[in-house]
Protein backbone atom coordinates (compact mmCIF):
# COMPACT_ATOMS: atom_id res chain seq x y z
CA MET A 1 -0.02 0.10 -0.02
CA GLY A 2 1.36 3.60 -0.74
CA PRO A 3 1.66 6.07 2.09
CA THR A 4 -2.24 5.36 1.85
CA THR A 5 -1.99 1.72 1.28
CA LEU A 6 0.85 0.35 3.14
CA GLY A 7 3.33 0.76 0.50
CA ARG A 8 2.17 -2.37 -1.43
CA GLY A 9 2.02 -0.56 -4.73
CA LYS A 10 4.59 -0.49 -7.41
CA ASP A 11 8.21 -0.41 -6.50
CA PRO A 12 9.26 3.04 -7.77
CA GLY A 13 12.98 1.79 -7.31
CA SER A 14 12.65 -1.31 -9.49
CA GLY A 15 9.77 -0.35 -11.74
CA LEU A 16 8.22 -3.48 -10.56
CA PRO A 17 5.07 -4.00 -8.31
CA SER A 18 6.68 -3.91 -5.01
CA THR A 19 6.93 -6.38 -2.36
CA ALA A 20 5.19 -3.87 -0.02
CA ASN A 21 7.63 -1.24 -1.28
CA GLY A 22 5.65 1.95 -1.97
CA PRO A 23 3.94 4.25 -4.59
CA GLY A 24 5.07 6.22 -7.18
CA GLY A 25 6.39 3.51 -9.56
CA ARG A 26 6.71 3.34 -13.15
CA ARG A 27 5.00 0.47 -15.30
CA PRO A 28 6.20 -2.93 -14.19
CA GLN A 29 7.67 -4.02 -17.43
CA HIS A 30 10.41 -1.32 -17.02
CA GLY A 31 11.95 -3.11 -14.12
CA PRO A 32 14.90 -5.51 -13.85
CA GLY A 33 12.50 -8.46 -13.42
CA ALA A 34 10.73 -7.88 -16.60
CA LEU A 35 13.77 -7.65 -18.72
CA GLU A 36 15.31 -10.66 -17.50
CA ARG A 37 13.80 -13.78 -18.95
CA PRO A 38 14.95 -17.28 -18.40
CA ALA A 39 17.78 -18.51 -20.17
CA SER A 40 17.27 -20.26 -23.60
CA GLY A 41 16.96 -24.05 -23.20
CA LEU A 42 15.11 -23.77 -19.94
CA ALA A 43 11.91 -22.11 -20.88
CA LEU A 44 9.76 -20.75 -18.08
CA HIS A 45 6.82 -23.14 -18.59
CA ALA A 46 9.05 -26.05 -19.00
CA SER A 47 10.38 -25.75 -15.61
CA ARG A 48 7.12 -26.89 -13.75
CA PRO A 49 7.35 -30.48 -14.99
CA ARG A 50 11.04 -30.47 -13.97
CA ALA A 51 9.92 -28.96 -10.38
CA ARG A 52 7.38 -31.67 -10.22
CA ALA A 53 10.03 -34.37 -11.18
CA LEU A 54 12.28 -33.09 -8.59
CA ARG A 55 9.74 -33.39 -5.96
CA ARG A 56 9.39 -37.13 -6.57
CA GLY A 57 13.05 -37.84 -5.37
CA ARG A 58 14.59 -39.70 -8.37
CA PRO A 59 13.29 -37.75 -11.29
CA ARG A 60 13.44 -39.32 -14.82
CA GLY A 61 16.49 -37.87 -16.84
CA ILE A 62 18.00 -36.31 -13.87
CA GLU A 63 20.91 -37.79 -11.76
CA ARG A 64 22.81 -36.73 -8.89
CA ARG A 65 26.71 -36.70 -9.06
CA GLY A 66 29.23 -36.27 -6.24
CA ARG A 67 26.91 -36.90 -3.37
CA PRO A 68 23.75 -39.33 -2.44
CA ALA A 69 20.42 -38.41 -3.73
CA ARG A 70 18.11 -36.63 -1.08
CA THR A 71 15.71 -38.26 0.92
CA PRO A 72 12.03 -38.22 -0.20
CA ALA A 73 11.39 -35.77 2.62
CA ALA A 74 13.84 -33.32 1.02
CA ALA A 75 12.91 -33.94 -2.55
CA MET A 76 11.16 -30.80 -3.24
CA ALA A 77 13.90 -28.15 -4.63
CA SER A 78 14.05 -24.72 -5.53
CA LEU A 79 15.27 -23.93 -8.91
CA VAL A 80 16.72 -20.34 -9.76
CA GLU A 81 18.90 -18.58 -12.19
CA TYR A 82 21.09 -15.86 -10.93
CA LYS A 83 21.08 -12.73 -13.03
CA GLY A 84 24.07 -10.89 -11.09
CA LEU A 85 24.17 -7.20 -10.59
CA ARG A 86 22.08 -4.63 -12.01
CA ALA A 87 23.06 -1.01 -11.49
CA GLY A 88 22.26 2.56 -12.72
CA TYR A 89 18.51 2.24 -13.13
CA HIS A 90 15.63 4.73 -12.19
CA CYS A 91 14.74 5.22 -8.57
CA GLY A 92 11.23 6.16 -7.90
CA TYR A 93 11.84 7.09 -4.28
CA CYS A 94 14.42 10.06 -4.85
CA ASP A 95 13.74 10.49 -8.91
CA SER A 96 17.41 9.63 -9.39
CA GLU A 97 17.76 8.22 -12.94
CA GLU A 98 20.85 5.98 -12.22
CA GLY A 99 20.73 5.58 -8.44
CA LYS A 100 19.29 2.00 -7.96
CA VAL A 101 21.57 -0.92 -7.44
CA SER A 102 20.45 -4.56 -6.84
CA HIS A 103 21.32 -8.40 -7.38
CA GLY A 104 18.62 -10.52 -8.91
CA MET A 105 17.61 -13.97 -9.77
CA TRP A 106 14.73 -15.69 -11.63
CA ALA A 107 12.94 -18.22 -9.54
CA HIS A 108 11.51 -21.00 -11.56
CA SER A 109 10.23 -22.81 -8.40
CA MET A 110 10.86 -22.07 -4.83
CA THR A 111 9.93 -23.64 -1.70
CA VAL A 112 8.39 -21.60 1.21
CA GLN A 113 11.18 -22.49 3.44
CA ASP A 114 13.82 -21.20 1.09
CA TYR A 115 11.97 -17.98 0.56
CA GLN A 116 11.54 -17.36 4.11
CA ASP A 117 15.33 -17.81 4.63
CA LEU A 118 15.80 -15.39 1.61
CA ILE A 119 13.75 -12.53 3.02
CA ASP A 120 15.45 -12.93 6.24
CA ARG A 121 18.55 -12.12 4.15
CA GLY A 122 17.05 -8.84 2.51
CA TRP A 123 15.63 -10.67 -0.75
CA ARG A 124 12.12 -9.86 -1.85
CA ARG A 125 10.12 -11.02 -4.79
CA SER A 126 8.18 -9.24 -7.52
CA GLY A 127 6.33 -12.04 -9.28
CA LYS A 128 8.90 -14.61 -10.09
CA TYR A 129 11.79 -12.06 -10.05
CA VAL A 130 13.58 -12.15 -6.72
CA TYR A 131 15.89 -9.20 -5.97
CA LYS A 132 18.35 -7.69 -3.27
CA PRO A 133 19.22 -4.24 -3.03
CA VAL A 134 22.94 -3.38 -2.62
CA MET A 135 22.51 -1.47 0.55
CA ASN A 136 25.71 0.52 0.73
CA GLN A 137 25.63 1.59 -2.98
CA THR A 138 22.02 1.95 -3.80
CA CYS A 139 20.67 5.71 -3.50
CA CYS A 140 17.72 4.77 -1.13
CA PRO A 141 18.75 1.87 1.02
CA GLN A 142 15.71 -0.44 1.69
CA TYR A 143 15.65 -2.25 5.03
CA THR A 144 13.23 -5.37 5.42
CA ILE A 145 10.69 -4.46 8.18
CA ARG A 146 8.82 -6.86 10.28
CA CYS A 147 5.90 -6.22 12.72
CA ARG A 148 5.94 -8.58 15.91
CA SER A 149 2.03 -9.25 15.39
CA LEU A 150 1.37 -10.85 18.65
CA GLN A 151 2.72 -7.59 20.66
CA PHE A 152 0.84 -5.10 17.98
CA GLN A 153 -1.42 -2.53 19.57
CA PRO A 154 -3.36 -0.54 17.12
CA SER A 155 -2.58 3.24 17.29
CA LYS A 156 -5.32 6.18 17.50
CA SER A 157 -5.16 6.53 13.64
CA HIS A 158 -5.67 2.76 13.32
CA LYS A 159 -8.67 2.64 15.33
CA LYS A 160 -10.04 5.64 13.36
CA VAL A 161 -9.90 3.49 10.29
CA LEU A 162 -11.41 0.54 11.71
CA LYS A 163 -14.29 2.62 13.48
CA LYS A 164 -14.77 4.13 10.10
CA MET A 165 -15.30 0.83 8.28
CA LEU A 166 -17.82 -0.28 10.96
CA LYS A 167 -19.95 2.90 10.76
CA PHE A 168 -19.93 2.52 6.89
CA LEU A 169 -21.08 -1.26 7.21
CA ALA A 170 -23.63 -0.42 9.87
CA LYS A 171 -25.17 2.80 8.82
CA GLY A 172 -23.77 3.50 5.34
CA GLU A 173 -21.93 6.64 6.95
CA ILE A 174 -19.27 8.15 4.58
CA SER A 175 -16.50 10.16 6.46
CA GLN A 176 -16.15 13.75 5.10
CA GLY A 177 -12.32 13.59 5.53
CA ASN A 178 -10.16 11.11 3.45
CA CYS A 179 -8.04 9.39 6.30
CA GLU A 180 -5.86 8.04 3.53
CA ASP A 181 -4.47 11.56 3.01
CA GLU A 182 -4.01 12.10 6.72
CA PRO A 183 -0.46 11.74 8.01
CA MET A 184 0.22 8.60 10.06
CA GLU A 185 2.40 10.08 12.48
CA PRO A 186 1.95 8.48 15.83
CA THR A 187 0.45 10.85 18.67
CA MET A 188 1.51 11.20 22.15
CA GLU A 189 -1.21 8.92 23.15
CA ASP A 190 -0.25 6.45 20.65
CA ALA A 191 3.21 6.49 22.03
CA VAL A 192 2.10 5.32 25.50
CA ALA A 193 1.60 1.47 25.47
CA GLY A 194 -1.98 1.48 26.81
CA ASP A 195 -3.86 4.23 28.53
CA ALA A 196 -5.07 2.26 31.61
CA LEU A 197 -2.17 3.77 33.85
CA ILE A 198 -2.83 7.24 32.63
CA ASN A 199 -6.57 7.16 33.42
CA LYS A 200 -5.87 5.68 36.79
CA LEU A 201 -3.45 8.56 37.60
CA ASP A 202 -6.13 10.94 36.18
CA VAL A 203 -8.59 9.57 38.76
CA GLN A 204 -6.43 9.83 41.76
CA CYS A 205 -5.24 13.21 40.91
CA ASP A 206 -8.72 14.72 40.28
CA LEU A 207 -10.24 13.42 43.54
CA LYS A 208 -7.23 14.40 45.67
CA THR A 209 -7.80 17.85 44.28
CA PHE A 210 -11.49 17.41 45.08
CA LYS A 211 -11.01 16.28 48.37
CA GLU A 212 -8.55 19.25 49.25
CA SER A 213 -11.30 21.55 47.96
CA LEU A 214 -13.84 19.95 50.30
CA GLU A 215 -11.44 20.21 53.16
CA SER A 216 -10.84 23.71 52.49
CA GLU A 217 -14.60 24.60 52.30
CA GLU A 218 -15.41 23.11 55.61
CA LYS A 219 -12.76 24.98 57.34
CA ASN A 220 -13.79 28.47 55.85
CA GLU A 221 -17.53 27.85 56.31
CA GLY A 222 -18.84 30.64 58.61
CA LYS A 223 -15.88 33.08 58.09
CA SER A 224 -15.89 36.48 56.66
CA ALA A 225 -16.10 37.40 53.22
CA LYS A 226 -12.62 39.23 53.37
CA LYS A 227 -11.23 35.87 54.87
CA ALA A 228 -12.74 33.89 52.14
CA GLU A 229 -11.27 36.16 49.44
CA SER A 230 -7.94 35.79 51.14
CA ASN A 231 -8.05 32.16 51.12
CA GLU A 232 -9.12 31.84 47.37
CA LEU A 233 -5.94 34.05 46.60
CA ILE A 234 -3.86 31.64 48.38
CA ARG A 235 -5.63 28.64 46.59
CA SER A 236 -5.13 30.19 43.26
CA GLN A 237 -1.39 30.53 44.00
CA ASP A 238 -1.32 26.81 44.83
CA THR A 239 -3.13 26.07 41.60
CA GLU A 240 -0.61 27.91 39.57
CA GLU A 241 2.11 25.95 41.23
CA LYS A 242 0.48 22.78 40.39
CA LEU A 243 -0.28 23.91 36.71
CA GLY A 244 3.20 24.70 36.45
CA SER A 245 4.50 21.39 37.51
CA GLY A 246 1.91 19.56 35.16
CA GLU A 247 -0.40 18.22 38.09
CA PRO A 248 -3.94 18.52 37.04
CA SER A 249 -6.19 20.93 39.17
CA HIS A 250 -9.57 21.13 37.55
CA SER A 251 -11.76 21.64 40.42
CA ILE A 252 -10.60 25.05 41.32
CA GLU A 253 -11.09 28.13 39.36
CA VAL A 254 -8.09 30.73 38.82
CA HIS A 255 -9.08 34.27 38.33
CA THR A 256 -5.52 35.66 37.80
CA VAL A 257 -4.75 36.53 34.07
CA PRO A 258 -1.20 37.13 32.88
CA LYS A 259 -0.29 40.36 31.19
CA PRO A 260 0.03 40.18 27.08
CA GLY A 261 3.16 38.33 26.08
CA LYS A 262 3.94 36.96 29.61
CA GLY A 263 3.29 33.31 29.06
CA ALA A 264 0.21 31.02 29.24
CA ASP A 265 -3.11 32.08 30.45
CA LEU A 266 -3.26 30.12 33.68
CA SER A 267 -6.78 31.09 34.21
CA LYS A 268 -7.72 28.56 31.45
CA PRO A 269 -7.26 24.85 31.89
CA PRO A 270 -4.08 23.30 30.25
CA CYS A 271 -4.41 21.61 26.65
CA ARG A 272 -5.84 18.04 27.25
CA LYS A 273 -7.02 15.35 24.93
CA ALA A 274 -10.73 15.07 24.00
CA LYS A 275 -10.73 11.58 25.32
CA GLU A 276 -9.53 12.47 28.65
CA ILE A 277 -11.82 15.57 29.13
CA ARG A 278 -14.72 13.08 28.25
CA LYS A 279 -13.50 10.56 30.99
CA GLU A 280 -13.35 13.52 33.44
CA ARG A 281 -16.95 14.64 32.71
CA LYS A 282 -18.18 11.21 33.14
CA ARG A 283 -16.37 10.82 36.60
CA LEU A 284 -17.50 14.24 37.77
CA LYS A 285 -21.03 13.33 36.83
CA LEU A 286 -20.87 10.26 38.80
CA MET A 287 -19.80 12.20 41.88
CA GLN A 288 -22.68 14.52 41.35
CA GLN A 289 -25.25 11.93 41.32
CA ASN A 290 -24.17 10.65 44.67
CA PRO A 291 -22.53 13.63 46.54
CA ALA A 292 -23.23 12.12 50.17
CA GLY A 293 -21.65 8.70 49.62
CA GLU A 294 -18.65 10.13 47.66
CA PHE A 295 -17.81 12.46 50.55
CA GLU A 296 -18.45 9.97 53.40
CA GLY A 297 -15.99 7.62 51.54
CA LEU A 298 -13.36 10.25 51.29
CA GLN A 299 -13.71 11.33 54.88
CA ALA A 300 -13.93 7.98 56.36
CA HIS A 301 -11.03 6.41 54.45
CA ARG A 302 -9.18 9.30 53.27
CA GLU A 303 -8.49 7.22 50.15
CA PRO A 304 -9.40 7.99 46.48
CA LEU A 305 -12.56 6.08 45.22
CA SER A 306 -12.24 3.98 42.19
CA PRO A 307 -14.59 4.83 39.60
CA PRO A 308 -17.58 2.32 39.15
CA LYS A 309 -16.55 -0.38 36.82
CA ALA A 310 -13.61 1.52 35.52
CA ALA A 311 -11.15 -1.14 35.69
CA LYS A 312 -12.82 -3.18 32.81
CA SER A 313 -13.53 -0.26 30.55
CA ASN A 314 -9.69 1.05 31.11
CA GLN A 315 -8.49 -2.19 29.22
CA PRO A 316 -7.73 -1.22 25.74
CA LYS A 317 -9.71 -3.25 22.96
CA SER A 318 -7.58 -5.69 21.25
CA LEU A 319 -7.20 -5.53 17.40
CA GLU A 320 -9.68 -8.47 17.00
CA ASP A 321 -12.26 -6.69 19.02
CA LEU A 322 -12.06 -3.51 16.87
CA ILE A 323 -12.31 -5.43 13.49
CA PHE A 324 -14.97 -8.01 14.61
CA GLU A 325 -17.07 -5.69 16.73
CA SER A 326 -20.73 -6.77 16.48
CA LEU A 327 -23.05 -5.01 13.90
CA PRO A 328 -26.88 -4.65 13.80
CA GLU A 329 -28.87 -7.28 11.85
CA ASN A 330 -30.08 -4.77 9.18
CA THR A 331 -26.55 -3.33 8.17
CA SER A 332 -26.17 -1.09 5.24
CA HIS A 333 -23.49 -3.17 3.80
CA LYS A 334 -21.86 -6.53 4.11
CA LEU A 335 -18.14 -7.25 3.94
CA GLU A 336 -16.71 -10.64 3.52
CA VAL A 337 -13.08 -11.42 3.22
CA ARG A 338 -12.04 -14.50 1.09
CA LEU A 339 -8.70 -16.24 1.23
CA VAL A 340 -7.89 -17.80 -2.43
CA PRO A 341 -4.87 -19.65 -3.50
CA VAL A 342 -2.99 -18.11 -6.48
CA SER A 343 -3.52 -21.03 -8.83
CA PHE A 344 -5.72 -21.23 -11.98
CA GLU A 345 -6.50 -24.73 -10.95
CA ASP A 346 -8.47 -23.39 -8.12
CA PRO A 347 -12.17 -22.80 -9.14
CA GLU A 348 -12.52 -19.88 -6.87
CA PHE A 349 -9.61 -17.89 -8.01
CA LYS A 350 -10.41 -18.75 -11.63
CA SER A 351 -14.02 -17.64 -11.46
CA SER A 352 -12.95 -14.30 -9.93
CA PHE A 353 -10.09 -13.69 -12.21
CA SER A 354 -11.84 -11.36 -14.53
CA GLN A 355 -13.39 -8.94 -11.84
CA SER A 356 -10.13 -9.10 -9.88
CA PHE A 357 -8.33 -8.03 -13.12
CA SER A 358 -10.85 -5.34 -14.04
CA LEU A 359 -10.21 -3.79 -10.45
CA TYR A 360 -6.30 -4.05 -11.03
CA VAL A 361 -6.41 -1.91 -14.25
CA LYS A 362 -8.99 0.63 -12.65
CA TYR A 363 -6.49 1.02 -9.68
CA GLN A 364 -3.25 1.23 -12.00
CA MET A 365 -4.98 3.81 -14.10
CA ALA A 366 -6.32 6.06 -11.11
CA ILE A 367 -3.63 5.72 -8.67
CA HIS A 368 -0.52 5.19 -10.83
CA GLN A 369 -1.86 7.03 -14.07
CA ASP A 370 -0.89 4.06 -15.95
CA PRO A 371 -2.37 4.07 -19.47
CA PRO A 372 -4.73 1.21 -20.46
CA ASP A 373 -2.04 -0.55 -22.75
CA GLU A 374 0.50 -0.60 -19.71
CA CYS A 375 -1.55 -2.42 -17.41
CA GLY A 376 -2.82 -5.50 -19.57
CA LYS A 377 -3.70 -8.96 -18.69
CA THR A 378 -0.18 -10.22 -19.24
CA GLU A 379 1.37 -7.62 -16.70
CA PHE A 380 -1.25 -8.76 -14.14
CA THR A 381 -0.67 -12.36 -14.58
CA ARG A 382 3.10 -12.40 -14.59
CA PHE A 383 3.51 -10.12 -11.42
CA LEU A 384 0.46 -10.93 -9.46
CA CYS A 385 -0.74 -14.10 -10.25
CA SER A 386 2.62 -16.22 -11.26
CA SER A 387 4.48 -17.09 -7.98
CA PRO A 388 7.61 -19.17 -7.99
CA LEU A 389 6.19 -20.54 -4.44
CA GLU A 390 5.27 -24.03 -4.48
CA ALA A 391 1.97 -24.69 -2.25
CA GLU A 392 2.68 -26.86 0.69
CA ASN A 393 0.17 -28.11 3.17
CA PRO A 394 2.01 -29.93 6.11
CA PRO A 395 0.02 -31.44 9.05
CA ASN A 396 1.68 -29.10 11.30
CA GLY A 397 1.15 -26.03 9.23
CA PRO A 398 -1.87 -23.67 8.88
CA ASP A 399 -5.15 -25.23 7.60
CA CYS A 400 -4.87 -23.01 4.50
CA GLY A 401 -1.31 -24.24 3.78
CA TYR A 402 1.66 -22.21 2.81
CA GLY A 403 2.03 -20.45 -0.56
CA SER A 404 0.79 -17.38 -2.43
CA PHE A 405 -2.78 -16.13 -1.97
CA HIS A 406 -5.40 -13.42 -2.83
CA GLN A 407 -7.08 -11.99 0.16
CA GLN A 408 -10.04 -10.77 -1.64
CA TYR A 409 -12.37 -7.97 0.05
CA TRP A 410 -16.04 -8.43 -1.13
CA LEU A 411 -18.57 -5.68 -0.48
CA ASP A 412 -22.13 -6.46 -1.22
CA GLY A 413 -21.06 -9.01 -3.77
CA LYS A 414 -18.25 -7.04 -5.36
CA ILE A 415 -14.46 -7.19 -5.10
CA ILE A 416 -13.35 -3.72 -3.88
CA ALA A 417 -9.73 -4.78 -2.86
CA VAL A 418 -7.16 -7.55 -3.11
CA GLY A 419 -4.30 -7.99 -0.95
CA VAL A 420 -1.56 -10.25 -2.36
CA ILE A 421 0.25 -12.08 0.39
CA ASP A 422 2.78 -15.07 0.83
CA ILE A 423 2.12 -17.42 3.80
CA LEU A 424 5.51 -18.70 4.81
CA PRO A 425 6.72 -20.71 7.76
CA TYR A 426 7.36 -17.81 10.07
CA CYS A 427 5.24 -14.98 8.67
CA VAL A 428 2.80 -13.56 6.54
CA SER A 429 4.40 -11.46 3.93
CA SER A 430 2.70 -8.51 2.38
CA VAL A 431 3.48 -8.51 -1.50
CA TYR A 432 0.88 -5.89 -3.04
CA LEU A 433 -2.45 -4.32 -2.81
CA TYR A 434 -4.71 -2.90 -5.41
CA TYR A 435 -8.30 -1.50 -4.62
CA ASP A 436 -11.27 0.30 -6.15
CA PRO A 437 -10.38 4.13 -5.92
CA ASP A 438 -14.16 4.65 -5.54
CA TYR A 439 -13.79 3.56 -1.89
CA SER A 440 -10.60 5.32 -0.87
CA PHE A 441 -12.57 7.03 1.87
CA LEU A 442 -12.55 3.85 3.60
CA SER A 443 -8.72 3.81 3.75
CA LEU A 444 -8.48 0.40 2.48
CA GLY A 445 -4.63 0.22 2.58
CA ILE A 446 -4.44 0.73 6.31
CA TYR A 447 -7.56 -1.45 6.99
CA SER A 448 -6.25 -4.38 4.98
CA ALA A 449 -2.92 -4.23 6.86
CA LEU A 450 -4.67 -4.43 10.03
CA ARG A 451 -6.63 -7.33 8.66
CA GLU A 452 -3.48 -8.98 7.87
CA ILE A 453 -1.91 -8.52 11.06
CA ALA A 454 -4.94 -10.03 12.48
CA PHE A 455 -4.93 -12.99 9.98
CA THR A 456 -1.19 -13.51 11.02
CA ARG A 457 -2.38 -13.89 14.70
CA GLN A 458 -5.09 -16.13 13.75
CA LEU A 459 -2.46 -18.27 11.60
CA HIS A 460 -0.39 -18.22 15.01
CA GLU A 461 -3.05 -20.30 17.03
CA LYS A 462 -2.52 -23.15 14.80
CA THR A 463 1.04 -22.86 13.90
CA PRO A 464 3.00 -21.37 16.71
CA GLN A 465 6.12 -20.51 15.00
CA LEU A 466 4.14 -18.16 12.53
CA SER A 467 4.05 -14.91 14.44
CA TYR A 468 5.33 -12.08 12.05
CA TYR A 469 3.99 -9.75 9.61
CA TYR A 470 6.56 -8.59 6.98
CA MET A 471 5.67 -5.39 5.32
CA GLY A 472 8.35 -5.26 2.77
CA PHE A 473 10.96 -2.53 2.65
CA TYR A 474 11.21 0.38 5.30
CA ILE A 475 13.00 3.30 3.41
CA HIS A 476 13.86 6.03 6.08
CA SER A 477 15.27 8.40 3.34
CA CYS A 478 11.92 8.57 1.55
CA PRO A 479 9.36 10.44 3.86
CA LYS A 480 6.54 8.76 2.12
CA MET A 481 7.83 5.23 3.35
CA LYS A 482 8.41 6.23 7.14
CA TYR A 483 4.87 5.27 8.12
CA LYS A 484 5.61 1.56 8.00
CA GLY A 485 7.47 2.04 11.36
CA HIS A 486 4.20 3.15 12.88
CA TYR A 487 3.19 -0.59 13.09
CA ARG A 488 4.66 -1.27 16.50
CA PRO A 489 6.40 -3.13 17.87
CA SER A 490 8.59 -3.70 14.47
CA ASP A 491 12.22 -4.65 13.60
CA LEU A 492 14.73 -3.92 10.88
CA LEU A 493 17.11 -6.32 9.42
CA CYS A 494 20.86 -5.49 9.78
CA PRO A 495 22.17 -5.38 6.31
CA GLU A 496 25.46 -6.94 7.24
CA THR A 497 24.83 -9.64 9.98
CA TYR A 498 21.15 -10.19 9.25
CA VAL A 499 19.95 -9.99 12.83
CA TRP A 500 16.73 -8.11 13.60
CA VAL A 501 17.13 -5.03 15.62
CA PRO A 502 14.05 -2.96 17.19
CA ILE A 503 13.21 0.09 15.03
CA GLU A 504 13.40 2.41 18.00
CA GLN A 505 17.46 1.53 18.11
CA CYS A 506 17.99 1.91 14.55
CA LEU A 507 16.19 5.36 13.85
CA PRO A 508 18.82 7.51 15.51
CA SER A 509 21.54 6.16 13.36
CA LEU A 510 19.33 6.28 10.15
CA GLU A 511 18.98 10.13 10.97
CA ASN A 512 22.61 10.58 10.54
CA SER A 513 23.34 8.23 7.72
CA LYS A 514 21.14 6.56 5.07
CA TYR A 515 22.98 3.18 5.15
CA CYS A 516 23.48 1.63 8.70
CA ARG A 517 24.94 -1.27 10.31
CA PHE A 518 22.26 -1.86 13.09
CA ASN A 519 24.19 -4.59 14.76
CA GLN A 520 26.06 -2.67 17.52
CA ASP A 521 28.42 -5.46 18.11
CA PRO A 522 31.64 -4.46 16.00
CA ASP A 523 32.91 -8.26 16.16
CA ALA A 524 29.43 -9.87 14.97
CA VAL A 525 29.57 -11.46 11.58
CA ASP A 526 27.04 -12.90 9.13
CA GLU A 527 26.44 -16.45 10.76
CA GLY A 528 24.75 -17.62 7.63
CA ARG A 529 27.39 -16.48 5.22
CA SER A 530 28.69 -19.08 2.76
CA LYS A 531 31.48 -20.94 4.22
CA GLU A 532 31.63 -23.98 1.87
CA PRO A 533 30.93 -22.92 -1.83
CA ASP A 534 31.89 -26.15 -3.25
CA ARG A 535 28.69 -27.69 -1.54
CA LEU A 536 26.58 -25.25 -3.45
CA GLN A 537 23.96 -27.23 -5.54
CA VAL A 538 24.24 -26.87 -9.34
CA PHE A 539 21.60 -27.95 -11.97
CA HIS A 540 23.40 -28.71 -15.31
CA LYS A 541 22.33 -30.48 -18.23
CA LYS A 542 19.51 -32.29 -16.27
CA ALA A 543 21.90 -33.37 -13.61
CA ILE A 544 22.28 -32.21 -10.00
CA MET A 545 25.88 -31.97 -8.58
CA PRO A 546 27.76 -29.90 -6.05
CA TYR A 547 29.68 -26.98 -7.38
CA GLY A 548 33.02 -28.62 -6.36
CA VAL A 549 32.43 -31.06 -9.22
CA TYR A 550 30.86 -28.78 -11.64
CA LYS A 551 33.66 -26.40 -11.71
CA LYS A 552 36.18 -29.12 -12.43
CA GLN A 553 34.30 -29.80 -15.57
CA ARG A 554 33.86 -26.21 -16.70
CA LYS A 555 37.04 -24.63 -15.31
CA ASP A 556 36.03 -21.00 -16.25
CA PRO A 557 37.29 -18.31 -13.63
CA SER A 558 34.74 -15.64 -14.87
CA GLU A 559 31.71 -17.98 -13.82
CA GLU A 560 33.41 -19.08 -10.54
CA ALA A 561 33.23 -15.47 -9.40
CA THR A 562 29.53 -15.07 -10.42
CA VAL A 563 28.58 -18.33 -8.41
CA LEU A 564 30.70 -17.20 -5.44
CA GLN A 565 28.75 -13.88 -5.46
CA TYR A 566 25.49 -15.73 -5.80
CA ALA A 567 26.48 -18.14 -2.69
CA SER A 568 27.52 -15.12 -0.57
CA LEU A 569 24.05 -13.52 -1.16
CA VAL A 570 21.89 -16.42 -0.48
CA GLY A 571 23.88 -17.84 2.43
CA GLN A 572 25.11 -21.23 2.98
CA VAL A 573 21.95 -23.01 3.98
CA CYS A 574 20.19 -21.78 0.77
CA ALA A 575 23.13 -22.33 -1.41
CA GLU A 576 23.12 -26.06 -0.39
CA ARG A 577 19.27 -26.46 -0.75
CA MET A 578 18.51 -24.61 -3.84
CA LEU A 579 19.49 -25.44 -7.32
CA LEU A 580 21.39 -22.92 -9.32
CA PHE A 581 20.78 -23.41 -13.06
CA ARG A 582 23.77 -23.16 -15.24
CA ASN A 583 23.58 -23.57 -19.11
């Protein structure tokens, strides 16, 4: 979504539909993935039978050399073509014509575990093209970001979007302002983890002040008017001290007005949030309804009274409570979210393809200003319906299985948004979102992101290791992309050691430099780096062999440099597991 849709529009840096990378891109076929085609002799569509053969353990026409064949459990293999370094192409983030630098490879097929390991090393996919920015060279470094969904709490702006959707569904209400255009900067209220403690302190401070006021009135009762005026002046001075220290004192009137230019008007209450004011009014109303009982309790126990039923109401609602809040039976609209596998063999995907494609065209033309001939069915299929991920459905995995999916949002029987996601062993990875511009007032980008976080938490219940929501790339040097950091708590991937670091620890460094090593341990290294390149697996002339055997046959120094570069980028584990195609 873009700044308004969680950045899952086109990747303006590569020219491809992004893996949650942000708006402002060019047509997809301008990117490196569109220009790089599978090598001759290994046609794209011909790789499917080979991939199926590889999964059967001992495929026909394929033999292993140099080491025993894999066990049937490990028979499924990823097949990739490394395309090398691509430098000097247009960046949509800073509008540099030759600033982007990345490595790329074409994935004919890929297991979900391999792709999980790759994105944990800074790779992302666009269709079947998988790329990794060269972080210390590219003009706008792109840091992989993930949200810890189990600890996620919606911010104030997130709650506004969810409430807006509920009002629209229940009563058909349409918000006057377009929340998509509002900045997603967190407010002070959002920065505090839960407001229960704040509310509790407010109650105690208010009742304390109220109690002091009552005691003062009892002492002054029957005194002369002059004495009362003197006491009022003293109370006013006390109030000024409290206001200066930040302590609330809402029950006492202050009559002193400062001279112009001499500071804040202390006769007026300090600025407070509307939410706090509403809660205070409710508390005072309860006290007014039963003053005798309140006073007795204060005088007898000398302890602040706890507001009736406040403990329960002070607990913030969970994300699920806000999303799935009950609606009246006679709602104005009905919203249904369907998870559909990305496969033309799936009847639901096939039957909704035409409507989904029409929505994509409408979105590209309205949001990205693409002419009709640049957002055709071929581009749509290549980038959003073709995935290298092999569907897997293990018994210990989620009920829907692993792989690529379209999460379709149906409103009154019509698709209004589609979120393209990958369900992987440890995360839900956001790929792309397109929606009906006529419904921009619903902030569908933000709404769908919150739904995907809730979906991640739902999958976690069945699959405990699946607990993260990957939002693609965070680009601190691009103001439009900073909003991803507002889905807290979140982590950024260190581009050198590939460990996750809380975003709060990364931001100070990013303020000083676009490229940063987040791991503060100077001695830390990439633990997953390639240590034994000869064990890398090569697919050559229908045979699978270790690179150590392959290089003895080829003896090409220039090719060796390319293979070693590939191994260093994917890491030792993926290098041994994936098959690198060489022709």
